Amino acid sequence: MVILHVDQLGDFLGMPREDRGAGYRAMAAALRRVLEGVERAVRQLSPEQMEAPTPNRGRDIRELVFNIHDPIRSMGDSLDSGLFQWATEEDHQRSRGFSTPGELADFCRGIREGWWNRAARVDAEEADLMVETPRGVVTHLQLLESQAWHAAQHLRQIYDFLRGIGIEPEGELGAEDIRPIQLGEIVY
């Protein structure tokens, strides 16, 4: 079974859904903070450091950051189309267009601002509308929760990567800063 959100597994198993209590706006605001954190982290790198492999899967920062932001763009589009398209097979190749940290951070900012301009207008009714994804049908809120978790987990990995190359992350976000996004203890 391929899923995008844990609720899909619970539904399959006949388990009651857990009330996470966070609405779309609170989750979107948290994701916005996470995306701003990614931008800050990217700007701390030199062009050479962008090519260093990260500890998990050996991706460099360009590919990892592209992997965070490409689905955010699609998530924004899905608010109008009802279709979320996310395929990672070409992330490496598509991420090669960024040769400096500034170019990559500007890409991040553009994605974040475009998504936020649309996401900030979502109300509770729209958040509950269904979205078709390559991993099944979910609500806009469930899609947001999955992508917020994805981005926050990768941001934590980026912080670890920065420390590993001798850079202390500026403006590092902790658990309280990203609430209601909740991460487990495992970084990789």
N, C-alpha and C. Protein backbone atom coordinates (compact mmCIF):
# COMPACT_ATOMS: atom_id res chain seq x y z
N MET A 1 0.85 -1.18 0.00
CA MET A 1 0.00 0.00 0.00
C MET A 1 0.89 1.24 0.00
N VAL A 2 0.67 2.12 -0.94
CA VAL A 2 1.41 3.36 -1.04
C VAL A 2 0.51 4.48 -0.51
N ILE A 3 1.01 5.23 0.46
CA ILE A 3 0.20 6.29 1.06
C ILE A 3 0.98 7.60 1.09
N LEU A 4 0.25 8.68 1.22
CA LEU A 4 0.84 10.01 1.36
C LEU A 4 0.67 10.53 2.79
N HIS A 5 -0.39 10.08 3.45
CA HIS A 5 -0.72 10.57 4.80
C HIS A 5 -1.11 9.39 5.68
N VAL A 6 -0.74 9.45 6.93
CA VAL A 6 -1.00 8.37 7.88
C VAL A 6 -2.49 8.07 8.02
N ASP A 7 -3.35 9.06 7.82
CA ASP A 7 -4.80 8.81 7.89
C ASP A 7 -5.25 7.77 6.87
N GLN A 8 -4.58 7.70 5.72
CA GLN A 8 -4.94 6.71 4.70
C GLN A 8 -4.72 5.30 5.23
N LEU A 9 -3.63 5.10 5.95
CA LEU A 9 -3.36 3.78 6.54
C LEU A 9 -4.39 3.48 7.62
N GLY A 10 -4.68 4.46 8.46
CA GLY A 10 -5.69 4.27 9.50
C GLY A 10 -7.05 3.93 8.92
N ASP A 11 -7.42 4.61 7.84
CA ASP A 11 -8.70 4.31 7.17
C ASP A 11 -8.71 2.88 6.66
N PHE A 12 -7.61 2.46 6.06
CA PHE A 12 -7.49 1.10 5.52
C PHE A 12 -7.64 0.06 6.63
N LEU A 13 -7.07 0.36 7.80
CA LEU A 13 -7.12 -0.56 8.93
C LEU A 13 -8.39 -0.41 9.77
N GLY A 14 -9.24 0.56 9.42
CA GLY A 14 -10.47 0.78 10.17
C GLY A 14 -10.25 1.44 11.51
N MET A 15 -9.18 2.19 11.64
CA MET A 15 -8.86 2.86 12.90
C MET A 15 -9.47 4.27 12.90
N PRO A 16 -9.88 4.74 14.08
CA PRO A 16 -10.41 6.11 14.15
C PRO A 16 -9.29 7.12 13.89
N ARG A 17 -9.64 8.23 13.28
CA ARG A 17 -8.66 9.28 13.00
C ARG A 17 -8.30 10.03 14.27
N GLU A 18 -7.04 10.36 14.38
CA GLU A 18 -6.55 11.14 15.51
C GLU A 18 -6.82 12.61 15.24
N ASP A 19 -7.39 13.30 16.21
CA ASP A 19 -7.63 14.73 16.06
C ASP A 19 -6.34 15.46 16.40
N ARG A 20 -5.69 15.99 15.38
CA ARG A 20 -4.43 16.69 15.59
C ARG A 20 -4.64 18.13 16.03
N GLY A 21 -5.87 18.61 15.89
CA GLY A 21 -6.22 19.92 16.42
C GLY A 21 -5.76 21.12 15.62
N ALA A 22 -4.78 20.98 14.76
CA ALA A 22 -4.28 22.13 14.01
C ALA A 22 -5.07 22.28 12.73
N GLY A 23 -5.50 23.48 12.50
CA GLY A 23 -6.20 23.77 11.25
C GLY A 23 -5.23 24.11 10.14
N TYR A 24 -5.80 24.36 8.97
CA TYR A 24 -4.99 24.63 7.78
C TYR A 24 -4.11 25.87 7.98
N ARG A 25 -4.68 26.93 8.49
CA ARG A 25 -3.91 28.18 8.63
C ARG A 25 -2.73 28.04 9.57
N ALA A 26 -2.93 27.36 10.69
CA ALA A 26 -1.82 27.17 11.63
C ALA A 26 -0.73 26.30 11.02
N MET A 27 -1.13 25.25 10.32
CA MET A 27 -0.15 24.37 9.69
C MET A 27 0.57 25.10 8.56
N ALA A 28 -0.17 25.89 7.78
CA ALA A 28 0.45 26.64 6.68
C ALA A 28 1.44 27.67 7.21
N ALA A 29 1.11 28.33 8.30
CA ALA A 29 2.03 29.31 8.89
C ALA A 29 3.30 28.62 9.38
N ALA A 30 3.16 27.43 9.94
CA ALA A 30 4.33 26.68 10.39
C ALA A 30 5.20 26.27 9.20
N LEU A 31 4.57 25.80 8.14
CA LEU A 31 5.34 25.44 6.94
C LEU A 31 6.05 26.66 6.38
N ARG A 32 5.40 27.79 6.39
CA ARG A 32 6.04 29.01 5.91
C ARG A 32 7.31 29.30 6.70
N ARG A 33 7.27 29.14 8.02
CA ARG A 33 8.46 29.36 8.86
C ARG A 33 9.55 28.36 8.50
N VAL A 34 9.17 27.12 8.26
CA VAL A 34 10.15 26.09 7.88
C VAL A 34 10.81 26.46 6.56
N LEU A 35 10.03 26.86 5.58
CA LEU A 35 10.58 27.23 4.28
C LEU A 35 11.51 28.44 4.39
N GLU A 36 11.16 29.39 5.24
CA GLU A 36 12.07 30.52 5.49
C GLU A 36 13.37 30.03 6.13
N GLY A 37 13.28 29.03 7.01
CA GLY A 37 14.47 28.44 7.61
C GLY A 37 15.37 27.77 6.58
N VAL A 38 14.76 27.10 5.61
CA VAL A 38 15.55 26.48 4.54
C VAL A 38 16.30 27.56 3.76
N GLU A 39 15.62 28.64 3.43
CA GLU A 39 16.26 29.73 2.70
C GLU A 39 17.45 30.30 3.47
N ARG A 40 17.28 30.53 4.78
CA ARG A 40 18.38 31.05 5.60
C ARG A 40 19.56 30.10 5.57
N ALA A 41 19.28 28.81 5.70
CA ALA A 41 20.34 27.81 5.72
C ALA A 41 21.09 27.78 4.39
N VAL A 42 20.38 27.83 3.29
CA VAL A 42 21.01 27.79 1.97
C VAL A 42 21.93 28.99 1.79
N ARG A 43 21.53 30.15 2.25
CA ARG A 43 22.35 31.36 2.08
C ARG A 43 23.65 31.29 2.88
N GLN A 44 23.78 30.37 3.81
CA GLN A 44 25.01 30.23 4.59
C GLN A 44 26.08 29.44 3.85
N LEU A 45 25.73 28.83 2.76
CA LEU A 45 26.66 27.95 2.04
C LEU A 45 27.47 28.70 0.99
N SER A 46 28.60 28.12 0.65
CA SER A 46 29.37 28.58 -0.51
C SER A 46 28.94 27.72 -1.70
N PRO A 47 29.25 28.15 -2.92
CA PRO A 47 28.92 27.31 -4.09
C PRO A 47 29.53 25.91 -4.00
N GLU A 48 30.74 25.80 -3.46
CA GLU A 48 31.38 24.49 -3.34
C GLU A 48 30.67 23.59 -2.34
N GLN A 49 30.18 24.17 -1.27
CA GLN A 49 29.49 23.39 -0.25
C GLN A 49 28.15 22.87 -0.74
N MET A 50 27.60 23.50 -1.76
CA MET A 50 26.33 23.02 -2.33
C MET A 50 26.50 21.64 -2.97
N GLU A 51 27.72 21.28 -3.31
CA GLU A 51 27.98 20.02 -4.00
C GLU A 51 28.32 18.87 -3.05
N ALA A 52 28.55 19.18 -1.77
CA ALA A 52 28.89 18.14 -0.80
C ALA A 52 27.69 17.23 -0.57
N PRO A 53 27.92 15.91 -0.51
CA PRO A 53 26.79 15.00 -0.27
C PRO A 53 26.27 15.13 1.16
N THR A 54 24.94 15.05 1.29
CA THR A 54 24.33 15.05 2.61
C THR A 54 24.44 13.64 3.18
N PRO A 55 24.34 13.48 4.51
CA PRO A 55 24.51 12.15 5.11
C PRO A 55 23.48 11.11 4.69
N ASN A 56 22.29 11.54 4.30
CA ASN A 56 21.30 10.53 3.90
C ASN A 56 21.19 10.48 2.39
N ARG A 57 21.35 9.36 1.83
CA ARG A 57 21.20 9.10 0.40
C ARG A 57 22.19 9.83 -0.49
N GLY A 58 23.12 10.57 0.06
CA GLY A 58 24.15 11.19 -0.73
C GLY A 58 23.71 12.32 -1.63
N ARG A 59 22.49 12.81 -1.48
CA ARG A 59 22.06 13.94 -2.29
C ARG A 59 22.82 15.19 -1.85
N ASP A 60 23.08 16.08 -2.78
CA ASP A 60 23.65 17.36 -2.37
C ASP A 60 22.52 18.30 -1.95
N ILE A 61 22.90 19.45 -1.42
CA ILE A 61 21.90 20.39 -0.91
C ILE A 61 20.96 20.86 -2.02
N ARG A 62 21.49 21.06 -3.22
CA ARG A 62 20.61 21.50 -4.32
C ARG A 62 19.46 20.53 -4.52
N GLU A 63 19.79 19.25 -4.58
CA GLU A 63 18.74 18.25 -4.82
C GLU A 63 17.79 18.15 -3.62
N LEU A 64 18.34 18.18 -2.43
CA LEU A 64 17.51 18.08 -1.23
C LEU A 64 16.55 19.27 -1.14
N VAL A 65 17.06 20.46 -1.37
CA VAL A 65 16.23 21.67 -1.28
C VAL A 65 15.20 21.69 -2.41
N PHE A 66 15.59 21.25 -3.60
CA PHE A 66 14.63 21.15 -4.70
C PHE A 66 13.52 20.17 -4.33
N ASN A 67 13.90 19.04 -3.69
CA ASN A 67 12.94 18.02 -3.27
C ASN A 67 11.95 18.57 -2.24
N ILE A 68 12.36 19.53 -1.45
CA ILE A 68 11.45 20.18 -0.50
C ILE A 68 10.47 21.09 -1.23
N HIS A 69 10.97 21.89 -2.16
CA HIS A 69 10.18 22.97 -2.74
C HIS A 69 9.33 22.58 -3.94
N ASP A 70 9.75 21.62 -4.74
CA ASP A 70 8.96 21.25 -5.91
C ASP A 70 7.55 20.80 -5.52
N PRO A 71 7.38 19.97 -4.48
CA PRO A 71 6.01 19.61 -4.10
C PRO A 71 5.22 20.78 -3.49
N ILE A 72 5.91 21.76 -2.94
CA ILE A 72 5.20 22.93 -2.40
C ILE A 72 4.54 23.68 -3.55
N ARG A 73 5.26 23.81 -4.65
CA ARG A 73 4.68 24.47 -5.84
C ARG A 73 3.44 23.69 -6.29
N SER A 74 3.56 22.37 -6.38
CA SER A 74 2.44 21.54 -6.82
C SER A 74 1.28 21.59 -5.82
N MET A 75 1.61 21.69 -4.54
CA MET A 75 0.56 21.77 -3.53
C MET A 75 -0.24 23.07 -3.70
N GLY A 76 0.45 24.16 -4.01
CA GLY A 76 -0.26 25.41 -4.28
C GLY A 76 -1.16 25.29 -5.49
N ASP A 77 -0.65 24.68 -6.56
CA ASP A 77 -1.46 24.48 -7.77
C ASP A 77 -2.67 23.59 -7.49
N SER A 78 -2.50 22.61 -6.60
CA SER A 78 -3.58 21.66 -6.32
C SER A 78 -4.78 22.32 -5.65
N LEU A 79 -4.56 23.45 -5.01
CA LEU A 79 -5.67 24.16 -4.37
C LEU A 79 -6.71 24.60 -5.40
N ASP A 80 -6.27 24.81 -6.63
CA ASP A 80 -7.19 25.21 -7.69
C ASP A 80 -7.57 24.05 -8.61
N SER A 81 -6.66 23.09 -8.78
CA SER A 81 -6.91 22.00 -9.73
C SER A 81 -7.47 20.73 -9.09
N GLY A 82 -7.23 20.53 -7.78
CA GLY A 82 -7.63 19.29 -7.13
C GLY A 82 -6.71 18.13 -7.46
N LEU A 83 -5.56 18.42 -8.07
CA LEU A 83 -4.61 17.39 -8.48
C LEU A 83 -3.21 17.76 -7.99
N PHE A 84 -2.61 16.88 -7.21
CA PHE A 84 -1.25 17.08 -6.69
C PHE A 84 -0.33 16.13 -7.44
N GLN A 85 0.61 16.70 -8.18
CA GLN A 85 1.55 15.90 -8.95
C GLN A 85 2.94 16.06 -8.35
N TRP A 86 3.52 14.93 -7.93
CA TRP A 86 4.86 14.98 -7.34
C TRP A 86 5.59 13.74 -7.77
N ALA A 87 6.60 13.94 -8.58
CA ALA A 87 7.45 12.85 -9.04
C ALA A 87 8.89 13.27 -8.80
N THR A 88 9.63 12.47 -8.05
CA THR A 88 10.99 12.84 -7.66
C THR A 88 12.08 12.27 -8.57
N GLU A 89 11.69 11.50 -9.57
CA GLU A 89 12.67 10.80 -10.39
C GLU A 89 13.67 11.74 -11.06
N GLU A 90 13.24 12.95 -11.38
CA GLU A 90 14.12 13.88 -12.09
C GLU A 90 14.62 15.02 -11.20
N ASP A 91 14.48 14.88 -9.88
CA ASP A 91 14.93 15.94 -8.97
C ASP A 91 16.40 16.28 -9.16
N HIS A 92 17.23 15.26 -9.28
CA HIS A 92 18.67 15.52 -9.42
C HIS A 92 18.93 16.39 -10.65
N GLN A 93 18.45 15.97 -11.79
CA GLN A 93 18.67 16.71 -13.03
C GLN A 93 18.07 18.11 -12.97
N ARG A 94 16.87 18.21 -12.47
CA ARG A 94 16.18 19.51 -12.42
C ARG A 94 16.84 20.46 -11.43
N SER A 95 17.53 19.93 -10.45
CA SER A 95 18.18 20.78 -9.44
C SER A 95 19.53 21.32 -9.91
N ARG A 96 20.04 20.85 -11.03
CA ARG A 96 21.37 21.25 -11.50
C ARG A 96 21.40 22.69 -12.01
N GLY A 97 20.27 23.32 -12.20
CA GLY A 97 20.23 24.68 -12.72
C GLY A 97 20.67 25.75 -11.73
N PHE A 98 20.93 25.38 -10.50
CA PHE A 98 21.30 26.36 -9.47
C PHE A 98 22.79 26.23 -9.19
N SER A 99 23.56 27.27 -9.52
CA SER A 99 25.02 27.18 -9.33
C SER A 99 25.50 27.94 -8.12
N THR A 100 24.65 28.79 -7.54
CA THR A 100 25.07 29.54 -6.35
C THR A 100 23.99 29.40 -5.27
N PRO A 101 24.40 29.58 -4.02
CA PRO A 101 23.40 29.56 -2.95
C PRO A 101 22.33 30.64 -3.14
N GLY A 102 22.74 31.80 -3.64
CA GLY A 102 21.76 32.87 -3.87
C GLY A 102 20.69 32.48 -4.88
N GLU A 103 21.10 31.82 -5.97
CA GLU A 103 20.12 31.37 -6.97
C GLU A 103 19.15 30.36 -6.37
N LEU A 104 19.69 29.42 -5.58
CA LEU A 104 18.85 28.40 -4.97
C LEU A 104 17.90 29.03 -3.94
N ALA A 105 18.42 29.94 -3.12
CA ALA A 105 17.58 30.60 -2.11
C ALA A 105 16.50 31.45 -2.78
N ASP A 106 16.83 32.10 -3.89
CA ASP A 106 15.82 32.89 -4.61
C ASP A 106 14.71 31.98 -5.17
N PHE A 107 15.10 30.81 -5.67
CA PHE A 107 14.12 29.81 -6.12
C PHE A 107 13.20 29.44 -4.95
N CYS A 108 13.80 29.18 -3.79
CA CYS A 108 13.03 28.82 -2.59
C CYS A 108 12.04 29.93 -2.23
N ARG A 109 12.53 31.15 -2.22
CA ARG A 109 11.67 32.29 -1.87
C ARG A 109 10.51 32.41 -2.85
N GLY A 110 10.79 32.27 -4.13
CA GLY A 110 9.72 32.36 -5.13
C GLY A 110 8.65 31.30 -4.94
N ILE A 111 9.07 30.07 -4.66
CA ILE A 111 8.11 28.98 -4.40
C ILE A 111 7.30 29.30 -3.15
N ARG A 112 7.99 29.68 -2.08
CA ARG A 112 7.32 29.98 -0.81
C ARG A 112 6.31 31.10 -0.97
N GLU A 113 6.71 32.19 -1.60
CA GLU A 113 5.81 33.33 -1.74
C GLU A 113 4.60 32.99 -2.62
N GLY A 114 4.84 32.29 -3.72
CA GLY A 114 3.73 31.90 -4.59
C GLY A 114 2.74 31.01 -3.89
N TRP A 115 3.27 29.99 -3.18
CA TRP A 115 2.39 29.08 -2.44
C TRP A 115 1.65 29.84 -1.33
N TRP A 116 2.36 30.66 -0.56
CA TRP A 116 1.75 31.36 0.57
C TRP A 116 0.64 32.30 0.10
N ASN A 117 0.83 32.98 -1.01
CA ASN A 117 -0.20 33.89 -1.52
C ASN A 117 -1.52 33.15 -1.74
N ARG A 118 -1.45 31.90 -2.14
CA ARG A 118 -2.68 31.11 -2.34
C ARG A 118 -3.12 30.44 -1.03
N ALA A 119 -2.18 29.86 -0.30
CA ALA A 119 -2.52 29.10 0.91
C ALA A 119 -3.11 29.99 2.00
N ALA A 120 -2.71 31.23 2.07
CA ALA A 120 -3.20 32.13 3.11
C ALA A 120 -4.70 32.42 2.96
N ARG A 121 -5.28 32.11 1.80
CA ARG A 121 -6.70 32.36 1.57
C ARG A 121 -7.58 31.13 1.77
N VAL A 122 -6.98 30.00 2.14
CA VAL A 122 -7.74 28.76 2.31
C VAL A 122 -8.56 28.82 3.59
N ASP A 123 -9.85 28.52 3.48
CA ASP A 123 -10.71 28.46 4.66
C ASP A 123 -10.94 26.99 5.04
N ALA A 124 -11.65 26.77 6.13
CA ALA A 124 -11.86 25.41 6.64
C ALA A 124 -12.58 24.53 5.62
N GLU A 125 -13.52 25.09 4.89
CA GLU A 125 -14.25 24.31 3.89
C GLU A 125 -13.32 23.85 2.76
N GLU A 126 -12.50 24.75 2.27
CA GLU A 126 -11.58 24.40 1.19
C GLU A 126 -10.52 23.41 1.69
N ALA A 127 -10.10 23.54 2.93
CA ALA A 127 -9.10 22.64 3.50
C ALA A 127 -9.60 21.19 3.51
N ASP A 128 -10.90 21.00 3.59
CA ASP A 128 -11.48 19.65 3.62
C ASP A 128 -11.81 19.08 2.25
N LEU A 129 -11.59 19.86 1.19
CA LEU A 129 -11.83 19.34 -0.17
C LEU A 129 -10.79 18.29 -0.50
N MET A 130 -11.16 17.37 -1.37
CA MET A 130 -10.30 16.25 -1.72
C MET A 130 -9.32 16.61 -2.84
N VAL A 131 -8.13 16.00 -2.76
CA VAL A 131 -7.06 16.19 -3.74
C VAL A 131 -6.61 14.82 -4.21
N GLU A 132 -6.50 14.65 -5.50
CA GLU A 132 -5.99 13.41 -6.07
C GLU A 132 -4.47 13.50 -6.13
N THR A 133 -3.80 12.48 -5.58
CA THR A 133 -2.34 12.43 -5.58
C THR A 133 -1.89 11.09 -6.17
N PRO A 134 -0.62 10.96 -6.52
CA PRO A 134 -0.13 9.66 -6.99
C PRO A 134 -0.24 8.56 -5.92
N ARG A 135 -0.49 8.96 -4.67
CA ARG A 135 -0.60 8.01 -3.57
C ARG A 135 -1.99 7.99 -2.96
N GLY A 136 -2.98 8.29 -3.75
CA GLY A 136 -4.36 8.23 -3.27
C GLY A 136 -4.96 9.60 -3.06
N VAL A 137 -6.21 9.59 -2.62
CA VAL A 137 -6.98 10.82 -2.42
C VAL A 137 -6.88 11.22 -0.95
N VAL A 138 -6.58 12.51 -0.73
CA VAL A 138 -6.48 13.08 0.61
C VAL A 138 -7.14 14.46 0.59
N THR A 139 -7.34 15.04 1.75
CA THR A 139 -7.84 16.41 1.81
C THR A 139 -6.67 17.38 1.64
N HIS A 140 -7.00 18.63 1.37
CA HIS A 140 -5.94 19.65 1.28
C HIS A 140 -5.20 19.76 2.61
N LEU A 141 -5.91 19.63 3.72
CA LEU A 141 -5.24 19.69 5.02
C LEU A 141 -4.28 18.51 5.19
N GLN A 142 -4.70 17.32 4.81
CA GLN A 142 -3.81 16.16 4.92
C GLN A 142 -2.59 16.32 4.02
N LEU A 143 -2.79 16.85 2.83
CA LEU A 143 -1.66 17.09 1.93
C LEU A 143 -0.70 18.10 2.55
N LEU A 144 -1.24 19.17 3.10
CA LEU A 144 -0.41 20.17 3.77
C LEU A 144 0.35 19.54 4.93
N GLU A 145 -0.32 18.74 5.75
CA GLU A 145 0.36 18.11 6.89
C GLU A 145 1.52 17.24 6.41
N SER A 146 1.30 16.47 5.35
CA SER A 146 2.37 15.58 4.87
C SER A 146 3.54 16.37 4.33
N GLN A 147 3.27 17.46 3.60
CA GLN A 147 4.36 18.25 3.04
C GLN A 147 5.05 19.10 4.10
N ALA A 148 4.32 19.55 5.10
CA ALA A 148 4.93 20.29 6.20
C ALA A 148 5.88 19.40 6.97
N TRP A 149 5.46 18.17 7.24
CA TRP A 149 6.34 17.22 7.93
C TRP A 149 7.58 16.94 7.07
N HIS A 150 7.38 16.71 5.79
CA HIS A 150 8.47 16.43 4.86
C HIS A 150 9.50 17.57 4.87
N ALA A 151 9.03 18.79 4.74
CA ALA A 151 9.93 19.95 4.71
C ALA A 151 10.66 20.13 6.05
N ALA A 152 9.94 19.98 7.16
CA ALA A 152 10.55 20.15 8.48
C ALA A 152 11.59 19.08 8.77
N GLN A 153 11.31 17.85 8.36
CA GLN A 153 12.28 16.77 8.57
C GLN A 153 13.55 17.05 7.77
N HIS A 154 13.40 17.50 6.53
CA HIS A 154 14.57 17.82 5.72
C HIS A 154 15.30 19.05 6.26
N LEU A 155 14.59 20.02 6.81
CA LEU A 155 15.27 21.17 7.41
C LEU A 155 16.15 20.70 8.57
N ARG A 156 15.63 19.81 9.36
CA ARG A 156 16.43 19.27 10.47
C ARG A 156 17.68 18.58 9.93
N GLN A 157 17.56 17.88 8.82
CA GLN A 157 18.71 17.23 8.19
C GLN A 157 19.69 18.26 7.63
N ILE A 158 19.17 19.36 7.11
CA ILE A 158 20.04 20.43 6.61
C ILE A 158 20.84 21.03 7.76
N TYR A 159 20.20 21.24 8.90
CA TYR A 159 20.93 21.75 10.06
C TYR A 159 22.06 20.80 10.45
N ASP A 160 21.79 19.51 10.44
CA ASP A 160 22.80 18.51 10.76
C ASP A 160 23.94 18.57 9.73
N PHE A 161 23.59 18.69 8.47
CA PHE A 161 24.58 18.81 7.40
C PHE A 161 25.46 20.04 7.62
N LEU A 162 24.85 21.19 7.92
CA LEU A 162 25.62 22.41 8.15
C LEU A 162 26.62 22.22 9.28
N ARG A 163 26.17 21.67 10.37
CA ARG A 163 27.07 21.44 11.50
C ARG A 163 28.22 20.50 11.10
N GLY A 164 27.90 19.51 10.27
CA GLY A 164 28.92 18.56 9.83
C GLY A 164 30.01 19.19 8.98
N ILE A 165 29.71 20.32 8.34
CA ILE A 165 30.75 21.01 7.56
C ILE A 165 31.24 22.26 8.27
N GLY A 166 30.93 22.37 9.58
CA GLY A 166 31.48 23.44 10.40
C GLY A 166 30.71 24.75 10.39
N ILE A 167 29.44 24.72 10.03
CA ILE A 167 28.63 25.94 10.00
C ILE A 167 27.53 25.81 11.05
N GLU A 168 27.44 26.81 11.93
CA GLU A 168 26.35 26.85 12.91
C GLU A 168 25.14 27.50 12.24
N PRO A 169 24.00 26.80 12.18
CA PRO A 169 22.82 27.34 11.49
C PRO A 169 22.33 28.65 12.12
N GLU A 170 22.14 29.66 11.28
CA GLU A 170 21.59 30.94 11.74
C GLU A 170 20.08 30.83 11.90
N GLY A 171 19.56 31.35 12.99
CA GLY A 171 18.12 31.38 13.20
C GLY A 171 17.50 29.99 13.21
N GLU A 172 18.22 29.02 13.78
CA GLU A 172 17.74 27.63 13.78
C GLU A 172 16.36 27.52 14.43
N LEU A 173 15.48 26.80 13.78
CA LEU A 173 14.14 26.57 14.29
C LEU A 173 14.11 25.29 15.12
N GLY A 174 13.54 25.38 16.30
CA GLY A 174 13.36 24.21 17.15
C GLY A 174 11.92 23.72 17.12
N ALA A 175 11.63 22.75 17.95
CA ALA A 175 10.30 22.13 17.99
C ALA A 175 9.19 23.16 18.26
N GLU A 176 9.43 24.09 19.15
CA GLU A 176 8.41 25.10 19.47
C GLU A 176 8.18 26.04 18.30
N ASP A 177 9.24 26.31 17.52
CA ASP A 177 9.14 27.25 16.40
C ASP A 177 8.31 26.70 15.25
N ILE A 178 8.24 25.38 15.14
CA ILE A 178 7.54 24.79 13.98
C ILE A 178 6.19 24.18 14.34
N ARG A 179 5.76 24.32 15.58
CA ARG A 179 4.45 23.79 15.95
C ARG A 179 3.38 24.41 15.07
N PRO A 180 2.41 23.65 14.65
CA PRO A 180 1.97 22.34 15.08
C PRO A 180 2.62 21.16 14.34
N ILE A 181 3.64 21.42 13.50
CA ILE A 181 4.36 20.30 12.89
C ILE A 181 5.07 19.55 14.00
N GLN A 182 4.94 18.23 13.99
CA GLN A 182 5.59 17.41 15.02
C GLN A 182 6.50 16.39 14.35
N LEU A 183 7.76 16.40 14.81
CA LEU A 183 8.74 15.45 14.31
C LEU A 183 9.12 14.47 15.39
N GLY A 184 9.54 13.29 14.97
CA GLY A 184 10.03 12.30 15.92
C GLY A 184 11.48 12.58 16.28
N GLU A 185 12.10 11.64 16.93
CA GLU A 185 13.49 11.81 17.38
C GLU A 185 14.50 11.52 16.27
N ILE A 186 14.15 10.70 15.31
CA ILE A 186 15.10 10.23 14.30
C ILE A 186 15.31 11.31 13.25
N VAL A 187 16.59 11.66 13.00
CA VAL A 187 16.92 12.68 12.01
C VAL A 187 17.02 12.07 10.62
N TYR A 188 17.58 10.86 10.52
CA TYR A 188 17.74 10.20 9.21
C TYR A 188 17.02 8.88 9.20
